[in-house]
Amino acid sequence: VQLQASGGGSVQAGGSLRLSCAASGRAFNIMGWFRQAPGKEREFVAAVTWSDRRYYSESAKGRSAISRDNAKNTVYLQMNSLKPEDTAVYYCAAGSGTVWVPSGYDYWGQGTQVTVSS
């Protein structure tokens, strides 16, 4: 099983980015995104189930949209109105446990850097 994340980059505050994560090897009930800033713990951003139930952190709610294409086994994270505090390495993850915590996921992508400048 492999998760390949892409779409990170550098943007100015207020800009947008779309992250993608393609899973190979098998399908998963839950696919999600976490992020980790330097010196901080990995934190939940958003997740979506196979049946398209969506979950968001308070910081992501209203500014981000998670979606998935089950035929392509791919999850997307559209991030809008980005702020400097969104700067972090973003990790995609897949699993079948609790959506809010890293331990609920069995597989992780390599991470993609998102940098938001003011």
Protein backbone atom coordinates (compact mmCIF):
# COMPACT_ATOMS: atom_id res chain seq x y z
CA VAL A 1 0.00 0.00 0.00
CA GLN A 2 1.28 3.45 -0.92
CA LEU A 3 -0.12 6.93 -0.51
CA GLN A 4 1.30 9.54 -2.85
CA ALA A 5 0.58 13.14 -1.90
CA SER A 6 1.06 16.14 -4.16
CA GLY A 7 -0.04 19.73 -4.60
CA GLY A 8 1.80 21.58 -1.87
CA GLY A 9 3.64 24.81 -2.51
CA SER A 10 4.11 28.41 -1.50
CA VAL A 11 1.33 30.95 -1.65
CA GLN A 12 0.55 34.34 -0.21
CA ALA A 13 -2.04 34.78 2.49
CA GLY A 14 -5.52 34.60 1.03
CA GLY A 15 -4.45 32.23 -1.70
CA SER A 16 -5.58 28.69 -2.42
CA LEU A 17 -4.01 25.27 -2.88
CA ARG A 18 -5.39 21.87 -3.79
CA LEU A 19 -3.73 18.82 -2.36
CA SER A 20 -4.17 15.36 -3.84
CA CYS A 21 -3.40 11.94 -2.46
CA ALA A 22 -3.61 8.76 -4.49
CA ALA A 23 -3.74 5.41 -2.73
CA SER A 24 -2.57 2.24 -4.36
CA GLY A 25 -2.95 -1.34 -3.28
CA ARG A 26 -6.40 -1.28 -1.72
CA ALA A 27 -9.38 0.89 -0.90
CA PHE A 28 -9.95 2.45 2.51
CA ASN A 29 -13.05 3.46 4.42
CA ILE A 30 -11.48 6.69 5.66
CA MET A 31 -9.03 8.99 3.93
CA GLY A 32 -7.86 12.12 5.64
CA TRP A 33 -5.35 14.91 5.99
CA PHE A 34 -3.23 15.92 8.95
CA ARG A 35 -0.62 18.63 9.24
CA GLN A 36 2.43 19.20 11.35
CA ALA A 37 4.18 22.51 11.87
CA PRO A 38 7.74 22.70 13.25
CA GLY A 39 7.78 22.03 16.97
CA LYS A 40 4.12 21.06 17.06
CA GLU A 41 2.20 17.82 17.16
CA ARG A 42 0.51 16.38 14.12
CA GLU A 43 -3.06 17.68 13.99
CA PHE A 44 -6.19 16.65 12.18
CA VAL A 45 -7.37 18.77 9.25
CA ALA A 46 -10.11 16.87 7.43
CA ALA A 47 -11.33 13.39 6.56
CA VAL A 48 -13.89 11.74 4.32
CA THR A 49 -15.42 8.28 4.45
CA TRP A 50 -16.15 5.93 1.59
CA SER A 51 -19.80 6.99 1.81
CA ASP A 52 -18.78 10.67 1.57
CA ARG A 53 -19.29 11.68 5.18
CA ARG A 54 -16.92 14.58 5.82
CA TYR A 55 -15.17 15.81 8.93
CA TYR A 56 -13.25 19.05 9.48
CA SER A 57 -11.17 20.64 12.19
CA GLU A 58 -12.40 23.96 13.49
CA SER A 59 -9.54 25.74 11.73
CA ALA A 60 -10.35 24.10 8.40
CA LYS A 61 -14.12 24.42 8.56
CA GLY A 62 -15.41 27.02 6.13
CA ARG A 63 -12.07 27.40 4.35
CA SER A 64 -11.39 23.87 3.16
CA ALA A 65 -13.24 21.19 1.27
CA ILE A 66 -12.30 17.53 1.25
CA SER A 67 -13.51 15.18 -1.45
CA ARG A 68 -12.65 11.77 -2.82
CA ASP A 69 -12.89 9.89 -6.07
CA ASN A 70 -13.43 6.27 -5.13
CA ALA A 71 -12.87 5.07 -8.69
CA LYS A 72 -9.40 6.64 -8.59
CA ASN A 73 -8.82 5.87 -4.91
CA THR A 74 -7.82 9.51 -4.50
CA VAL A 75 -8.63 12.14 -1.90
CA TYR A 76 -8.42 15.88 -2.45
CA LEU A 77 -8.16 18.84 -0.10
CA GLN A 78 -9.07 22.24 -1.48
CA MET A 79 -7.75 24.94 0.85
CA ASN A 80 -8.89 28.53 0.43
CA SER A 81 -8.24 31.80 2.26
CA LEU A 82 -4.93 30.40 3.46
CA LYS A 83 -3.24 32.01 6.45
CA PRO A 84 0.40 32.01 7.56
CA GLU A 85 -0.60 29.75 10.46
CA ASP A 86 -1.60 27.10 7.91
CA THR A 87 2.08 26.65 7.10
CA ALA A 88 2.99 23.02 7.78
CA VAL A 89 3.79 19.69 6.22
CA TYR A 90 0.50 18.12 5.19
CA TYR A 91 0.15 14.34 5.37
CA CYS A 92 -2.54 12.21 3.83
CA ALA A 93 -3.59 9.10 5.67
CA ALA A 94 -5.87 6.13 5.17
CA GLY A 95 -7.51 3.71 7.54
CA SER A 96 -10.71 2.63 9.20
CA GLY A 97 -10.51 3.91 12.78
CA THR A 98 -11.28 7.15 14.56
CA VAL A 99 -11.01 10.02 12.09
CA TRP A 100 -9.79 12.68 14.52
CA VAL A 101 -6.51 11.15 15.70
CA PRO A 102 -3.40 9.81 13.96
CA SER A 103 -3.80 6.42 15.62
CA GLY A 104 -7.00 5.91 13.65
CA TYR A 105 -5.03 5.57 10.43
CA ASP A 106 -2.93 2.67 9.21
CA TYR A 107 -1.10 4.20 6.27
CA TRP A 108 0.54 7.57 5.69
CA GLY A 109 1.81 9.48 2.72
CA GLN A 110 5.19 11.15 2.56
CA GLY A 111 3.96 14.68 3.31
CA THR A 112 3.82 17.78 1.18
CA GLN A 113 4.96 21.23 2.32
CA VAL A 114 2.52 24.12 2.38
CA THR A 115 3.99 27.55 3.04
CA VAL A 116 1.81 30.63 3.37
CA SER A 117 3.50 34.00 3.47
CA SER A 118 1.99 37.18 4.83
